[in-house]
Amino acid sequence: MRGWCWELGKVFAGSIAGKEIVNVDGTVLGELENMVIDLKTGKLVDLVVKPDPELNRMKYREDGKFVLIPFASVVAVKDYIVVDENRATKKREAEAAEEENQPS
């Protein structure tokens, strides 16, 4: 994965606070509540999302009343934060972890 600044340009955290998060089809997933950063690398790891009441939370990792969406699934930050839902679900993360653990 390339650095997020390279793919999306520089974005200030204050400018995306509270933004609506949608998938590539335009379905609302929720609203950005917070972000998780890896303190060792400084990379953004997850978006902490206050889920839309209609969202099927079973597909996502949960943290209390919030869902966690991997930052690697973000494809655009404009008026909305757009994510590729195929990269954001628990199933896809489990597949990625399995691929990493397989010997070359």
N, C-alpha and C. Protein backbone atom coordinates (compact mmCIF):
# COMPACT_ATOMS: atom_id res chain seq x y z
N MET A 1 0.84 -1.18 0.00
CA MET A 1 0.00 0.00 0.00
C MET A 1 0.88 1.24 0.00
N ARG A 2 0.61 2.15 -0.87
CA ARG A 2 1.34 3.40 -0.89
C ARG A 2 0.84 4.30 0.23
N GLY A 3 1.60 5.32 0.54
CA GLY A 3 1.20 6.26 1.58
C GLY A 3 -0.09 6.97 1.21
N TRP A 4 -0.91 7.25 2.18
CA TRP A 4 -2.22 7.85 1.91
C TRP A 4 -2.10 9.25 1.37
N CYS A 5 -1.07 9.99 1.74
CA CYS A 5 -0.90 11.35 1.21
C CYS A 5 -0.65 11.30 -0.29
N TRP A 6 0.07 10.26 -0.75
CA TRP A 6 0.37 10.12 -2.17
C TRP A 6 -0.92 9.89 -2.96
N GLU A 7 -1.79 9.03 -2.45
CA GLU A 7 -2.99 8.68 -3.18
C GLU A 7 -4.10 9.72 -3.04
N LEU A 8 -4.25 10.32 -1.87
CA LEU A 8 -5.40 11.17 -1.62
C LEU A 8 -5.05 12.64 -1.47
N GLY A 9 -3.77 13.00 -1.44
CA GLY A 9 -3.38 14.37 -1.17
C GLY A 9 -3.40 14.62 0.32
N LYS A 10 -2.90 15.75 0.74
CA LYS A 10 -2.87 16.06 2.17
C LYS A 10 -4.24 16.52 2.63
N VAL A 11 -4.66 15.98 3.77
CA VAL A 11 -5.94 16.33 4.36
C VAL A 11 -5.73 16.57 5.84
N PHE A 12 -6.22 17.68 6.36
CA PHE A 12 -6.11 17.96 7.78
C PHE A 12 -7.22 17.24 8.52
N ALA A 13 -6.88 16.67 9.68
CA ALA A 13 -7.86 15.91 10.45
C ALA A 13 -9.09 16.73 10.77
N GLY A 14 -8.92 17.99 11.09
CA GLY A 14 -10.06 18.84 11.41
C GLY A 14 -11.03 19.02 10.25
N SER A 15 -10.52 18.89 9.03
CA SER A 15 -11.39 19.07 7.87
C SER A 15 -12.22 17.84 7.55
N ILE A 16 -11.89 16.70 8.13
CA ILE A 16 -12.69 15.49 7.87
C ILE A 16 -13.48 15.04 9.08
N ALA A 17 -13.28 15.69 10.23
CA ALA A 17 -14.02 15.33 11.44
C ALA A 17 -15.51 15.46 11.17
N GLY A 18 -16.26 14.41 11.51
CA GLY A 18 -17.71 14.43 11.35
C GLY A 18 -18.21 14.17 9.94
N LYS A 19 -17.30 13.95 9.00
CA LYS A 19 -17.73 13.70 7.61
C LYS A 19 -18.51 12.39 7.52
N GLU A 20 -19.43 12.37 6.58
CA GLU A 20 -20.20 11.17 6.31
C GLU A 20 -19.33 10.19 5.54
N ILE A 21 -19.46 8.92 5.86
CA ILE A 21 -18.71 7.87 5.19
C ILE A 21 -19.69 7.06 4.35
N VAL A 22 -19.35 6.92 3.07
CA VAL A 22 -20.20 6.18 2.14
C VAL A 22 -19.36 5.14 1.41
N ASN A 23 -20.03 4.10 0.91
CA ASN A 23 -19.29 3.15 0.08
C ASN A 23 -19.32 3.64 -1.36
N VAL A 24 -18.65 2.94 -2.25
CA VAL A 24 -18.54 3.40 -3.64
C VAL A 24 -19.88 3.46 -4.35
N ASP A 25 -20.89 2.75 -3.83
CA ASP A 25 -22.24 2.80 -4.41
C ASP A 25 -23.05 3.96 -3.86
N GLY A 26 -22.51 4.69 -2.87
CA GLY A 26 -23.22 5.82 -2.28
C GLY A 26 -24.02 5.49 -1.04
N THR A 27 -24.00 4.24 -0.61
CA THR A 27 -24.72 3.85 0.61
C THR A 27 -24.00 4.45 1.82
N VAL A 28 -24.76 5.09 2.69
CA VAL A 28 -24.18 5.71 3.88
C VAL A 28 -23.83 4.64 4.91
N LEU A 29 -22.56 4.65 5.34
CA LEU A 29 -22.11 3.72 6.37
C LEU A 29 -22.17 4.36 7.75
N GLY A 30 -21.95 5.66 7.81
CA GLY A 30 -22.00 6.35 9.09
C GLY A 30 -21.25 7.67 9.03
N GLU A 31 -20.83 8.14 10.21
CA GLU A 31 -20.15 9.42 10.35
C GLU A 31 -18.83 9.21 11.08
N LEU A 32 -17.78 9.88 10.58
CA LEU A 32 -16.46 9.74 11.20
C LEU A 32 -16.48 10.30 12.61
N GLU A 33 -16.12 9.48 13.56
CA GLU A 33 -16.07 9.87 14.96
C GLU A 33 -14.64 10.13 15.41
N ASN A 34 -13.70 9.28 14.95
CA ASN A 34 -12.31 9.36 15.37
C ASN A 34 -11.46 8.55 14.41
N MET A 35 -10.15 8.54 14.65
CA MET A 35 -9.23 7.76 13.83
C MET A 35 -8.23 7.06 14.74
N VAL A 36 -7.74 5.91 14.28
CA VAL A 36 -6.71 5.16 15.00
C VAL A 36 -5.42 5.29 14.22
N ILE A 37 -4.36 5.72 14.92
CA ILE A 37 -3.05 5.91 14.30
C ILE A 37 -2.05 4.99 14.96
N ASP A 38 -1.20 4.35 14.17
CA ASP A 38 -0.10 3.53 14.69
C ASP A 38 1.00 4.50 15.14
N LEU A 39 1.25 4.54 16.44
CA LEU A 39 2.21 5.51 16.97
C LEU A 39 3.65 5.21 16.54
N LYS A 40 3.95 3.97 16.23
CA LYS A 40 5.31 3.62 15.79
C LYS A 40 5.58 4.11 14.38
N THR A 41 4.59 3.97 13.50
CA THR A 41 4.81 4.32 12.09
C THR A 41 4.19 5.66 11.71
N GLY A 42 3.22 6.12 12.51
CA GLY A 42 2.52 7.36 12.18
C GLY A 42 1.43 7.17 11.13
N LYS A 43 1.20 5.93 10.72
CA LYS A 43 0.20 5.67 9.68
C LYS A 43 -1.20 5.56 10.28
N LEU A 44 -2.16 6.02 9.49
CA LEU A 44 -3.55 5.88 9.86
C LEU A 44 -3.94 4.42 9.69
N VAL A 45 -4.56 3.83 10.71
CA VAL A 45 -4.91 2.41 10.68
C VAL A 45 -6.40 2.22 10.41
N ASP A 46 -7.23 2.85 11.22
CA ASP A 46 -8.68 2.66 11.13
C ASP A 46 -9.42 3.97 11.26
N LEU A 47 -10.60 4.01 10.66
CA LEU A 47 -11.56 5.07 10.90
C LEU A 47 -12.54 4.53 11.93
N VAL A 48 -12.81 5.31 12.97
CA VAL A 48 -13.80 4.94 13.97
C VAL A 48 -15.09 5.63 13.56
N VAL A 49 -16.11 4.84 13.26
CA VAL A 49 -17.32 5.35 12.62
C VAL A 49 -18.54 5.13 13.51
N LYS A 50 -19.31 6.22 13.67
CA LYS A 50 -20.62 6.10 14.30
C LYS A 50 -21.54 5.59 13.21
N PRO A 51 -21.97 4.32 13.31
CA PRO A 51 -22.69 3.71 12.18
C PRO A 51 -24.08 4.28 11.96
N ASP A 52 -24.48 4.30 10.70
CA ASP A 52 -25.84 4.65 10.32
C ASP A 52 -26.76 3.59 10.91
N PRO A 53 -27.93 3.98 11.39
CA PRO A 53 -28.86 2.99 11.98
C PRO A 53 -29.21 1.83 11.04
N GLU A 54 -29.14 2.06 9.75
CA GLU A 54 -29.49 1.02 8.77
C GLU A 54 -28.31 0.10 8.43
N LEU A 55 -27.11 0.41 8.93
CA LEU A 55 -25.92 -0.36 8.57
C LEU A 55 -25.94 -1.75 9.20
N ASN A 56 -25.60 -2.76 8.41
CA ASN A 56 -25.45 -4.12 8.92
C ASN A 56 -24.08 -4.21 9.61
N ARG A 57 -24.05 -4.01 10.91
CA ARG A 57 -22.80 -3.97 11.67
C ARG A 57 -22.08 -5.31 11.72
N MET A 58 -22.76 -6.40 11.43
CA MET A 58 -22.16 -7.73 11.50
C MET A 58 -21.00 -7.89 10.53
N LYS A 59 -20.99 -7.09 9.47
CA LYS A 59 -19.94 -7.21 8.45
C LYS A 59 -18.64 -6.53 8.86
N TYR A 60 -18.66 -5.75 9.93
CA TYR A 60 -17.52 -4.92 10.30
C TYR A 60 -16.99 -5.27 11.68
N ARG A 61 -15.73 -4.92 11.90
CA ARG A 61 -15.19 -5.03 13.26
C ARG A 61 -15.86 -3.95 14.10
N GLU A 62 -16.13 -4.28 15.34
CA GLU A 62 -16.81 -3.33 16.20
C GLU A 62 -15.94 -2.96 17.39
N ASP A 63 -16.16 -1.74 17.89
CA ASP A 63 -15.51 -1.25 19.09
C ASP A 63 -16.58 -0.51 19.88
N GLY A 64 -17.25 -1.24 20.77
CA GLY A 64 -18.36 -0.65 21.50
C GLY A 64 -19.48 -0.28 20.56
N LYS A 65 -19.91 0.98 20.61
CA LYS A 65 -21.02 1.41 19.74
C LYS A 65 -20.55 1.85 18.36
N PHE A 66 -19.26 1.72 18.09
CA PHE A 66 -18.68 2.15 16.81
C PHE A 66 -18.26 0.96 15.97
N VAL A 67 -18.10 1.21 14.65
CA VAL A 67 -17.49 0.21 13.77
C VAL A 67 -16.15 0.76 13.32
N LEU A 68 -15.23 -0.15 13.05
CA LEU A 68 -13.88 0.22 12.59
C LEU A 68 -13.77 -0.10 11.11
N ILE A 69 -13.37 0.89 10.35
CA ILE A 69 -13.19 0.70 8.92
C ILE A 69 -11.71 0.94 8.62
N PRO A 70 -11.02 -0.05 8.06
CA PRO A 70 -9.59 0.10 7.78
C PRO A 70 -9.33 1.28 6.86
N PHE A 71 -8.32 2.06 7.19
CA PHE A 71 -8.01 3.21 6.35
C PHE A 71 -7.60 2.77 4.95
N ALA A 72 -7.07 1.57 4.83
CA ALA A 72 -6.67 1.05 3.51
C ALA A 72 -7.85 0.93 2.56
N SER A 73 -9.08 0.97 3.08
CA SER A 73 -10.26 0.86 2.22
C SER A 73 -10.73 2.22 1.70
N VAL A 74 -10.13 3.32 2.17
CA VAL A 74 -10.53 4.65 1.72
C VAL A 74 -10.05 4.88 0.29
N VAL A 75 -10.97 5.31 -0.57
CA VAL A 75 -10.62 5.57 -1.97
C VAL A 75 -10.69 7.04 -2.33
N ALA A 76 -11.41 7.85 -1.52
CA ALA A 76 -11.50 9.28 -1.80
C ALA A 76 -11.94 10.04 -0.56
N VAL A 77 -11.45 11.27 -0.44
CA VAL A 77 -11.89 12.18 0.62
C VAL A 77 -12.23 13.50 -0.05
N LYS A 78 -13.50 13.77 -0.13
CA LYS A 78 -14.00 15.02 -0.74
C LYS A 78 -15.10 15.54 0.18
N ASP A 79 -16.31 15.68 -0.35
CA ASP A 79 -17.45 16.05 0.49
C ASP A 79 -17.80 14.91 1.44
N TYR A 80 -17.47 13.69 1.03
CA TYR A 80 -17.69 12.48 1.80
C TYR A 80 -16.37 11.73 1.86
N ILE A 81 -16.29 10.78 2.78
CA ILE A 81 -15.18 9.84 2.77
C ILE A 81 -15.72 8.58 2.09
N VAL A 82 -15.14 8.23 0.96
CA VAL A 82 -15.62 7.09 0.18
C VAL A 82 -14.72 5.89 0.45
N VAL A 83 -15.35 4.75 0.77
CA VAL A 83 -14.59 3.54 1.04
C VAL A 83 -15.03 2.43 0.11
N ASP A 84 -14.09 1.55 -0.19
CA ASP A 84 -14.38 0.34 -0.96
C ASP A 84 -14.81 -0.70 0.07
N GLU A 85 -16.10 -0.96 0.13
CA GLU A 85 -16.65 -1.85 1.14
C GLU A 85 -16.06 -3.26 1.07
N ASN A 86 -15.64 -3.67 -0.12
CA ASN A 86 -15.02 -5.00 -0.25
C ASN A 86 -13.73 -5.10 0.55
N ARG A 87 -13.04 -3.98 0.76
CA ARG A 87 -11.81 -3.97 1.54
C ARG A 87 -12.06 -3.63 3.01
N ALA A 88 -13.30 -3.29 3.36
CA ALA A 88 -13.60 -2.79 4.70
C ALA A 88 -14.22 -3.82 5.63
N THR A 89 -14.63 -4.96 5.11
CA THR A 89 -15.36 -5.92 5.93
C THR A 89 -14.44 -6.90 6.64
N LYS A 90 -14.99 -7.55 7.69
CA LYS A 90 -14.23 -8.52 8.47
C LYS A 90 -13.73 -9.66 7.59
N LYS A 91 -14.56 -10.11 6.65
CA LYS A 91 -14.18 -11.23 5.78
C LYS A 91 -12.93 -10.88 4.98
N ARG A 92 -12.89 -9.71 4.40
CA ARG A 92 -11.73 -9.31 3.59
C ARG A 92 -10.48 -9.18 4.45
N GLU A 93 -10.62 -8.64 5.65
CA GLU A 93 -9.47 -8.51 6.54
C GLU A 93 -8.92 -9.87 6.93
N ALA A 94 -9.80 -10.83 7.18
CA ALA A 94 -9.36 -12.18 7.52
C ALA A 94 -8.60 -12.81 6.35
N GLU A 95 -9.08 -12.59 5.13
CA GLU A 95 -8.40 -13.10 3.95
C GLU A 95 -7.01 -12.46 3.79
N ALA A 96 -6.92 -11.18 4.02
CA ALA A 96 -5.63 -10.48 3.90
C ALA A 96 -4.64 -10.97 4.93
N ALA A 97 -5.11 -11.19 6.17
CA ALA A 97 -4.23 -11.68 7.22
C ALA A 97 -3.74 -13.08 6.90
N GLU A 98 -4.62 -13.91 6.33
CA GLU A 98 -4.24 -15.26 5.95
C GLU A 98 -3.18 -15.25 4.86
N GLU A 99 -3.33 -14.35 3.89
CA GLU A 99 -2.35 -14.23 2.81
C GLU A 99 -0.98 -13.82 3.35
N GLU A 100 -0.96 -12.92 4.33
CA GLU A 100 0.30 -12.46 4.92
C GLU A 100 1.00 -13.57 5.68
N ASN A 101 0.25 -14.49 6.28
CA ASN A 101 0.82 -15.54 7.11
C ASN A 101 1.25 -16.77 6.34
N GLN A 102 0.94 -16.84 5.05
CA GLN A 102 1.34 -17.99 4.25
C GLN A 102 2.80 -17.85 3.83
N PRO A 103 3.57 -18.96 3.90
CA PRO A 103 4.96 -18.91 3.47
C PRO A 103 5.08 -18.67 1.97
N SER A 104 6.12 -17.99 1.57
CA SER A 104 6.32 -17.67 0.14
C SER A 104 6.85 -18.85 -0.62
